[in-house]
Amino acid sequence: MAASYFDRTPYVEQDAAGRAVYVEHHRTLGDRVRDVVSGGFRLVDLVEPEWPRWNTQEWGGWSPLRGQLIPGTAIFVCERD
């Protein structure tokens, strides 16, 4: 079952000894916009790059298949108020 977009539980990958080696902290776009504004910035643009067709590499949960469905990156272009 896929995780909900609203599930903010961290995703953690561990090594054989149980140490965290990779952690993602998912937040919604609304969460991030509120972070930007509360930090004294003005959001100028929000860029969500598409997965490049030439990239066939898989990394963790990311692959061309998933990249066709949702963006893996959000770029917040901001100015300081």
Protein backbone atom coordinates (compact mmCIF):
# COMPACT_ATOMS: atom_id res chain seq x y z
CA MET A 1 0.00 0.00 0.00
CA ALA A 2 1.31 3.44 -0.90
CA ALA A 3 1.89 5.97 1.85
CA SER A 4 -0.45 8.93 2.07
CA TYR A 5 0.81 12.27 0.78
CA PHE A 6 -0.14 13.63 4.21
CA ASP A 7 1.93 11.05 6.16
CA ARG A 8 4.83 12.99 7.65
CA THR A 9 6.48 9.94 9.26
CA PRO A 10 10.20 9.95 8.36
CA TYR A 11 11.43 7.36 5.86
CA VAL A 12 14.60 5.75 7.25
CA GLU A 13 17.07 3.31 5.67
CA GLN A 14 19.40 1.53 8.10
CA ASP A 15 22.66 -0.37 7.76
CA ALA A 16 23.18 -3.88 9.16
CA ALA A 17 23.96 -2.43 12.62
CA GLY A 18 20.66 -0.52 12.68
CA ARG A 19 22.22 2.92 12.15
CA ALA A 20 20.32 5.37 9.97
CA VAL A 21 22.19 5.83 6.70
CA TYR A 22 19.48 7.75 4.84
CA VAL A 23 16.48 9.71 6.11
CA GLU A 24 13.75 11.62 4.26
CA HIS A 25 11.38 13.96 6.06
CA HIS A 26 8.34 14.35 3.83
CA ARG A 27 6.37 17.55 4.03
CA THR A 28 3.50 18.74 1.86
CA LEU A 29 3.94 21.69 -0.48
CA GLY A 30 1.72 23.67 1.89
CA ASP A 31 4.08 22.84 4.78
CA ARG A 32 7.05 24.09 2.76
CA VAL A 33 5.31 27.29 1.65
CA ARG A 34 4.48 28.06 5.28
CA ASP A 35 8.16 27.42 6.20
CA VAL A 36 9.28 29.89 3.51
CA VAL A 37 6.81 32.59 4.57
CA SER A 38 7.45 32.17 8.31
CA GLY A 39 11.18 32.53 7.56
CA GLY A 40 10.60 36.01 6.15
CA PHE A 41 10.76 35.08 2.48
CA ARG A 42 8.38 35.77 -0.40
CA LEU A 43 7.78 32.88 -2.77
CA VAL A 44 8.51 34.03 -6.34
CA ASP A 45 8.25 30.69 -8.14
CA LEU A 46 7.89 26.98 -7.49
CA VAL A 47 9.62 24.71 -10.00
CA GLU A 48 8.88 20.96 -10.12
CA PRO A 49 11.29 19.43 -12.65
CA GLU A 50 10.11 16.48 -14.70
CA TRP A 51 12.07 13.22 -14.60
CA PRO A 52 14.48 13.30 -17.57
CA ARG A 53 13.60 10.68 -20.21
CA TRP A 54 17.29 9.78 -20.57
CA ASN A 55 17.60 8.89 -16.87
CA THR A 56 16.92 5.16 -16.50
CA GLN A 57 18.64 4.87 -13.11
CA GLU A 58 16.75 3.66 -10.05
CA TRP A 59 17.61 5.02 -6.63
CA GLY A 60 15.76 3.98 -3.52
CA GLY A 61 12.08 4.45 -4.29
CA TRP A 62 12.82 6.70 -7.26
CA SER A 63 12.72 5.38 -10.80
CA PRO A 64 11.54 6.48 -14.24
CA LEU A 65 8.15 4.91 -13.45
CA ARG A 66 7.64 6.94 -10.27
CA GLY A 67 9.20 10.00 -11.89
CA GLN A 68 6.48 9.97 -14.54
CA LEU A 69 3.82 10.19 -11.82
CA ILE A 70 5.13 12.83 -9.41
CA PRO A 71 8.08 15.21 -9.22
CA GLY A 72 10.93 14.14 -6.97
CA THR A 73 12.17 17.67 -6.41
CA ALA A 74 10.66 21.05 -5.66
CA ILE A 75 12.71 24.19 -6.13
CA PHE A 76 11.47 27.18 -4.17
CA VAL A 77 12.59 30.47 -5.70
CA CYS A 78 12.34 33.12 -2.99
CA GLU A 79 13.22 36.70 -2.16
CA ARG A 80 13.85 38.09 1.29
CA ASP A 81 11.17 40.57 2.37
